[in-house]
Amino acid sequence: MSAFSAFRGVGGDETLVDALKQVIDPELNINIVDLGLVYDVKRSEENQAKVNVSMTLTSPACPAGPQIITQAKMALERLDDVDEASIQLTMSPPWSPELMTDDARDELGIF
C-alpha cells in the first residue's frame, strides 16, 4: 500500500484524517487530505498522544504554506487525545493532481 492510499479510505487513523480534512487550502478551497497534500499521519509508537504528519504543498513556493502547516498542527492538537503534532514538510515526491481524490479533481475540473 502506498502512503497515498491510506487517505482514499484504505486504513489510517480516521480521527486524525478527519481532523486534517478540516484544513482547507485557501487558494483551491479543497481540504488538504482530498487535495493529496498529506502523505502520512500516524501516532508515535513511544507516545500515542504525539502525532507525526508528513505532507507536501502544491509547490515549494506556495504562499499559503505556513498557514496550511499551522492549521494542520492546530487541527490535530485540538483533539482530546493529541498533545503534540509534528508536521514534516517534504517535496519528495512532488505534489501532482494525480494525488487528489476523484471528487477534488472533479471540483477543480481536472479530468
Protein backbone atom coordinates (compact mmCIF):
# COMPACT_ATOMS: atom_id res chain seq x y z
CA MET A 1 0.00 0.00 0.00
CA SER A 2 1.39 3.41 -0.91
CA ALA A 3 1.49 6.31 1.54
CA PHE A 4 -1.22 7.95 -0.54
CA SER A 5 -3.76 5.11 -0.45
CA ALA A 6 -4.41 5.47 3.29
CA PHE A 7 -6.24 8.70 2.60
CA ARG A 8 -8.52 7.23 -0.02
CA GLY A 9 -10.40 5.09 2.51
CA VAL A 10 -7.86 2.28 2.91
CA GLY A 11 -6.82 2.37 6.56
CA GLY A 12 -5.26 5.11 8.62
CA ASP A 13 -6.47 6.62 11.91
CA GLU A 14 -9.81 8.07 10.80
CA THR A 15 -9.90 10.53 13.72
CA LEU A 16 -6.61 12.06 12.62
CA VAL A 17 -7.57 12.05 8.94
CA ASP A 18 -10.93 13.67 9.72
CA ALA A 19 -9.17 16.41 11.71
CA LEU A 20 -6.87 17.13 8.78
CA LYS A 21 -9.87 17.28 6.43
CA GLN A 22 -10.90 20.42 8.33
CA VAL A 23 -7.85 22.22 6.92
CA ILE A 24 -8.74 23.94 3.66
CA ASP A 25 -6.21 25.14 1.10
CA PRO A 26 -7.16 28.84 0.85
CA GLU A 27 -6.22 29.09 -2.82
CA LEU A 28 -8.06 26.00 -4.08
CA ASN A 29 -10.78 25.76 -1.40
CA ILE A 30 -10.31 21.98 -1.00
CA ASN A 31 -9.21 20.17 2.14
CA ILE A 32 -5.58 19.10 2.31
CA VAL A 33 -6.37 15.37 2.51
CA ASP A 34 -8.53 15.30 -0.63
CA LEU A 35 -6.03 17.59 -2.32
CA GLY A 36 -3.38 14.91 -1.77
CA LEU A 37 -1.06 17.03 0.34
CA VAL A 38 -0.99 14.61 3.29
CA TYR A 39 1.37 11.70 2.66
CA ASP A 40 1.32 10.07 6.10
CA VAL A 41 -0.19 10.63 9.54
CA LYS A 42 0.45 8.35 12.48
CA ARG A 43 0.80 8.29 16.21
CA SER A 44 4.23 7.94 17.74
CA GLU A 45 4.98 4.41 18.92
CA GLU A 46 6.56 5.79 22.11
CA ASN A 47 3.75 8.25 22.90
CA GLN A 48 0.28 7.79 21.39
CA ALA A 49 -0.57 11.42 22.25
CA LYS A 50 2.08 12.60 19.77
CA VAL A 51 1.17 12.65 16.07
CA ASN A 52 3.61 12.83 13.17
CA VAL A 53 2.49 14.10 9.78
CA SER A 54 4.40 14.02 6.51
CA MET A 55 2.93 16.36 3.95
CA THR A 56 3.75 18.48 0.95
CA LEU A 57 2.48 21.65 -0.69
CA THR A 58 1.24 22.20 -4.23
CA SER A 59 4.54 23.97 -4.95
CA PRO A 60 7.73 24.73 -2.99
CA ALA A 61 6.89 28.45 -3.12
CA CYS A 62 3.24 28.04 -2.07
CA PRO A 63 2.33 31.35 -0.41
CA ALA A 64 -0.26 29.61 1.79
CA GLY A 65 2.26 27.02 3.06
CA PRO A 66 2.88 28.49 6.52
CA GLN A 67 -0.86 28.96 7.07
CA ILE A 68 -1.68 25.39 5.97
CA ILE A 69 1.03 23.88 8.19
CA THR A 70 -0.09 25.91 11.22
CA GLN A 71 -3.73 24.97 10.67
CA ALA A 72 -2.87 21.26 10.30
CA LYS A 73 -0.94 21.31 13.57
CA MET A 74 -3.77 23.14 15.34
CA ALA A 75 -6.46 20.83 13.93
CA LEU A 76 -4.68 17.78 15.34
CA GLU A 77 -3.80 19.36 18.68
CA ARG A 78 -7.48 20.26 19.23
CA LEU A 79 -8.23 16.54 19.53
CA ASP A 80 -8.60 15.43 23.15
CA ASP A 81 -6.13 12.57 22.79
CA VAL A 82 -3.39 14.53 20.98
CA ASP A 83 -0.90 16.58 22.99
CA GLU A 84 1.54 17.37 20.21
CA ALA A 85 1.51 17.30 16.42
CA SER A 86 4.72 17.43 14.43
CA ILE A 87 4.45 18.42 10.77
CA GLN A 88 7.28 17.39 8.45
CA LEU A 89 7.19 19.14 5.11
CA THR A 90 8.60 17.21 2.16
CA MET A 91 8.77 17.93 -1.54
CA SER A 92 9.61 14.35 -2.45
CA PRO A 93 7.64 13.05 -4.13
CA PRO A 94 6.42 16.34 -5.54
CA TRP A 95 2.70 17.03 -5.47
CA SER A 96 0.72 16.47 -8.67
CA PRO A 97 -3.01 16.43 -9.48
CA GLU A 98 -2.88 12.62 -9.65
CA LEU A 99 -2.62 12.62 -5.84
CA MET A 100 -6.04 14.26 -5.49
CA THR A 101 -9.22 12.32 -4.83
CA ASP A 102 -11.60 11.94 -7.76
CA ASP A 103 -14.06 14.34 -6.09
CA ALA A 104 -11.37 17.00 -5.66
CA ARG A 105 -10.30 16.68 -9.29
CA ASP A 106 -13.93 16.94 -10.40
CA GLU A 107 -14.43 20.04 -8.28
CA LEU A 108 -11.44 21.70 -9.95
CA GLY A 109 -12.39 20.46 -13.42
CA ILE A 110 -9.34 18.21 -13.79
CA PHE A 111 -10.23 15.10 -15.77
